[in-house]
Amino acid sequence: MEINTLIERINELSRKQRSVGLEEWEREEQEALRQEYLGFIRGQVHATLGQVKGTNS
């Protein structure tokens, strides 16, 4: 899933949770989407840190 679409769905479920609550399947979807998002962020951080080169002082 594209990251922007993922974020939109996470936000949509979050708004619904605050207003009327979520059904069990929606809570499960929300958790799965959050885990996918965190995996994406971790991958980005890992890739960025992999490009950092240290220097000896």
N, C-alpha and C. Protein backbone atom coordinates (compact mmCIF):
# COMPACT_ATOMS: atom_id res chain seq x y z
N MET A 1 0.85 -1.18 0.00
CA MET A 1 0.00 0.00 0.00
C MET A 1 0.90 1.24 0.00
N GLU A 2 0.53 2.23 -0.76
CA GLU A 2 1.28 3.47 -0.81
C GLU A 2 1.20 4.17 0.55
N ILE A 3 2.27 4.81 0.95
CA ILE A 3 2.36 5.40 2.29
C ILE A 3 1.28 6.46 2.53
N ASN A 4 0.98 7.28 1.53
CA ASN A 4 -0.05 8.32 1.72
C ASN A 4 -1.42 7.70 1.91
N THR A 5 -1.72 6.66 1.17
CA THR A 5 -2.99 5.95 1.31
C THR A 5 -3.07 5.30 2.68
N LEU A 6 -1.96 4.74 3.12
CA LEU A 6 -1.87 4.11 4.43
C LEU A 6 -2.16 5.12 5.54
N ILE A 7 -1.54 6.27 5.47
CA ILE A 7 -1.73 7.32 6.47
C ILE A 7 -3.17 7.82 6.47
N GLU A 8 -3.74 8.00 5.29
CA GLU A 8 -5.13 8.46 5.19
C GLU A 8 -6.07 7.47 5.89
N ARG A 9 -5.86 6.17 5.66
CA ARG A 9 -6.74 5.17 6.27
C ARG A 9 -6.54 5.12 7.79
N ILE A 10 -5.30 5.22 8.25
CA ILE A 10 -5.02 5.25 9.69
C ILE A 10 -5.74 6.44 10.32
N ASN A 11 -5.64 7.60 9.69
CA ASN A 11 -6.30 8.81 10.22
C ASN A 11 -7.82 8.68 10.20
N GLU A 12 -8.34 8.08 9.14
CA GLU A 12 -9.79 7.88 9.05
C GLU A 12 -10.29 6.99 10.19
N LEU A 13 -9.58 5.91 10.45
CA LEU A 13 -9.97 5.02 11.54
C LEU A 13 -9.81 5.71 12.90
N SER A 14 -8.79 6.54 13.03
CA SER A 14 -8.57 7.26 14.28
C SER A 14 -9.72 8.23 14.56
N ARG A 15 -10.14 8.95 13.53
CA ARG A 15 -11.27 9.88 13.70
C ARG A 15 -12.54 9.12 14.08
N LYS A 16 -12.77 7.99 13.42
CA LYS A 16 -13.96 7.19 13.72
C LYS A 16 -13.90 6.66 15.15
N GLN A 17 -12.71 6.24 15.58
CA GLN A 17 -12.54 5.72 16.93
C GLN A 17 -12.92 6.77 17.97
N ARG A 18 -12.51 8.01 17.74
CA ARG A 18 -12.82 9.09 18.68
C ARG A 18 -14.30 9.47 18.66
N SER A 19 -14.94 9.35 17.51
CA SER A 19 -16.34 9.80 17.41
C SER A 19 -17.34 8.73 17.80
N VAL A 20 -17.28 7.56 17.19
CA VAL A 20 -18.30 6.54 17.45
C VAL A 20 -17.74 5.19 17.89
N GLY A 21 -16.42 5.07 17.89
CA GLY A 21 -15.80 3.81 18.26
C GLY A 21 -15.62 2.91 17.05
N LEU A 22 -14.83 1.87 17.24
CA LEU A 22 -14.52 0.94 16.16
C LEU A 22 -15.04 -0.44 16.49
N GLU A 23 -15.39 -1.16 15.44
CA GLU A 23 -15.74 -2.57 15.61
C GLU A 23 -14.44 -3.36 15.70
N GLU A 24 -14.54 -4.60 16.12
CA GLU A 24 -13.35 -5.43 16.32
C GLU A 24 -12.50 -5.52 15.05
N TRP A 25 -13.13 -5.76 13.91
CA TRP A 25 -12.37 -5.90 12.67
C TRP A 25 -11.68 -4.60 12.29
N GLU A 26 -12.27 -3.47 12.66
CA GLU A 26 -11.65 -2.17 12.37
C GLU A 26 -10.45 -1.94 13.29
N ARG A 27 -10.56 -2.37 14.55
CA ARG A 27 -9.41 -2.27 15.46
C ARG A 27 -8.25 -3.12 14.96
N GLU A 28 -8.58 -4.31 14.45
CA GLU A 28 -7.54 -5.18 13.91
C GLU A 28 -6.90 -4.56 12.67
N GLU A 29 -7.72 -3.98 11.81
CA GLU A 29 -7.19 -3.31 10.62
C GLU A 29 -6.30 -2.13 11.03
N GLN A 30 -6.76 -1.36 12.00
CA GLN A 30 -5.99 -0.20 12.47
C GLN A 30 -4.62 -0.64 12.99
N GLU A 31 -4.58 -1.68 13.77
CA GLU A 31 -3.31 -2.17 14.31
C GLU A 31 -2.40 -2.67 13.19
N ALA A 32 -2.96 -3.40 12.23
CA ALA A 32 -2.16 -3.90 11.11
C ALA A 32 -1.59 -2.74 10.29
N LEU A 33 -2.40 -1.72 10.06
CA LEU A 33 -1.93 -0.55 9.30
C LEU A 33 -0.84 0.19 10.06
N ARG A 34 -1.00 0.31 11.36
CA ARG A 34 0.02 0.98 12.18
C ARG A 34 1.34 0.21 12.13
N GLN A 35 1.26 -1.10 12.19
CA GLN A 35 2.47 -1.92 12.13
C GLN A 35 3.15 -1.77 10.76
N GLU A 36 2.35 -1.73 9.70
CA GLU A 36 2.90 -1.54 8.36
C GLU A 36 3.58 -0.17 8.26
N TYR A 37 2.95 0.85 8.82
CA TYR A 37 3.51 2.20 8.81
C TYR A 37 4.83 2.23 9.59
N LEU A 38 4.84 1.63 10.77
CA LEU A 38 6.07 1.60 11.56
C LEU A 38 7.19 0.86 10.84
N GLY A 39 6.84 -0.22 10.15
CA GLY A 39 7.83 -0.95 9.37
C GLY A 39 8.42 -0.08 8.27
N PHE A 40 7.58 0.71 7.63
CA PHE A 40 8.05 1.63 6.59
C PHE A 40 9.01 2.65 7.18
N ILE A 41 8.64 3.25 8.31
CA ILE A 41 9.48 4.26 8.96
C ILE A 41 10.81 3.64 9.40
N ARG A 42 10.75 2.47 10.00
CA ARG A 42 11.99 1.80 10.42
C ARG A 42 12.90 1.53 9.23
N GLY A 43 12.31 1.12 8.12
CA GLY A 43 13.10 0.88 6.90
C GLY A 43 13.77 2.15 6.42
N GLN A 44 13.05 3.27 6.47
CA GLN A 44 13.61 4.55 6.05
C GLN A 44 14.77 4.97 6.96
N VAL A 45 14.58 4.81 8.25
CA VAL A 45 15.63 5.17 9.21
C VAL A 45 16.85 4.28 8.99
N HIS A 46 16.62 2.99 8.82
CA HIS A 46 17.72 2.05 8.61
C HIS A 46 18.49 2.40 7.33
N ALA A 47 17.77 2.73 6.26
CA ALA A 47 18.42 3.09 5.00
C ALA A 47 19.23 4.38 5.16
N THR A 48 18.68 5.34 5.88
CA THR A 48 19.38 6.61 6.08
C THR A 48 20.63 6.40 6.92
N LEU A 49 20.50 5.64 7.99
CA LEU A 49 21.67 5.40 8.85
C LEU A 49 22.73 4.57 8.14
N GLY A 50 22.31 3.74 7.22
CA GLY A 50 23.26 2.94 6.45
C GLY A 50 24.13 3.79 5.54
N GLN A 51 23.67 4.99 5.23
CA GLN A 51 24.42 5.89 4.36
C GLN A 51 25.33 6.84 5.14
N VAL A 52 25.18 6.89 6.45
CA VAL A 52 25.98 7.79 7.27
C VAL A 52 27.36 7.19 7.47
N LYS A 53 28.36 8.01 7.25
CA LYS A 53 29.73 7.55 7.44
C LYS A 53 30.34 8.33 8.60
N GLY A 54 30.92 7.59 9.51
CA GLY A 54 31.54 8.22 10.66
C GLY A 54 32.92 8.75 10.32
N THR A 55 33.39 9.66 11.14
CA THR A 55 34.75 10.19 10.99
C THR A 55 35.48 10.01 12.30
N ASN A 56 36.74 9.77 12.21
CA ASN A 56 37.57 9.65 13.42
C ASN A 56 38.19 11.01 13.72
N SER A 57 38.07 11.43 14.95
CA SER A 57 38.61 12.74 15.33
C SER A 57 40.02 12.61 15.82
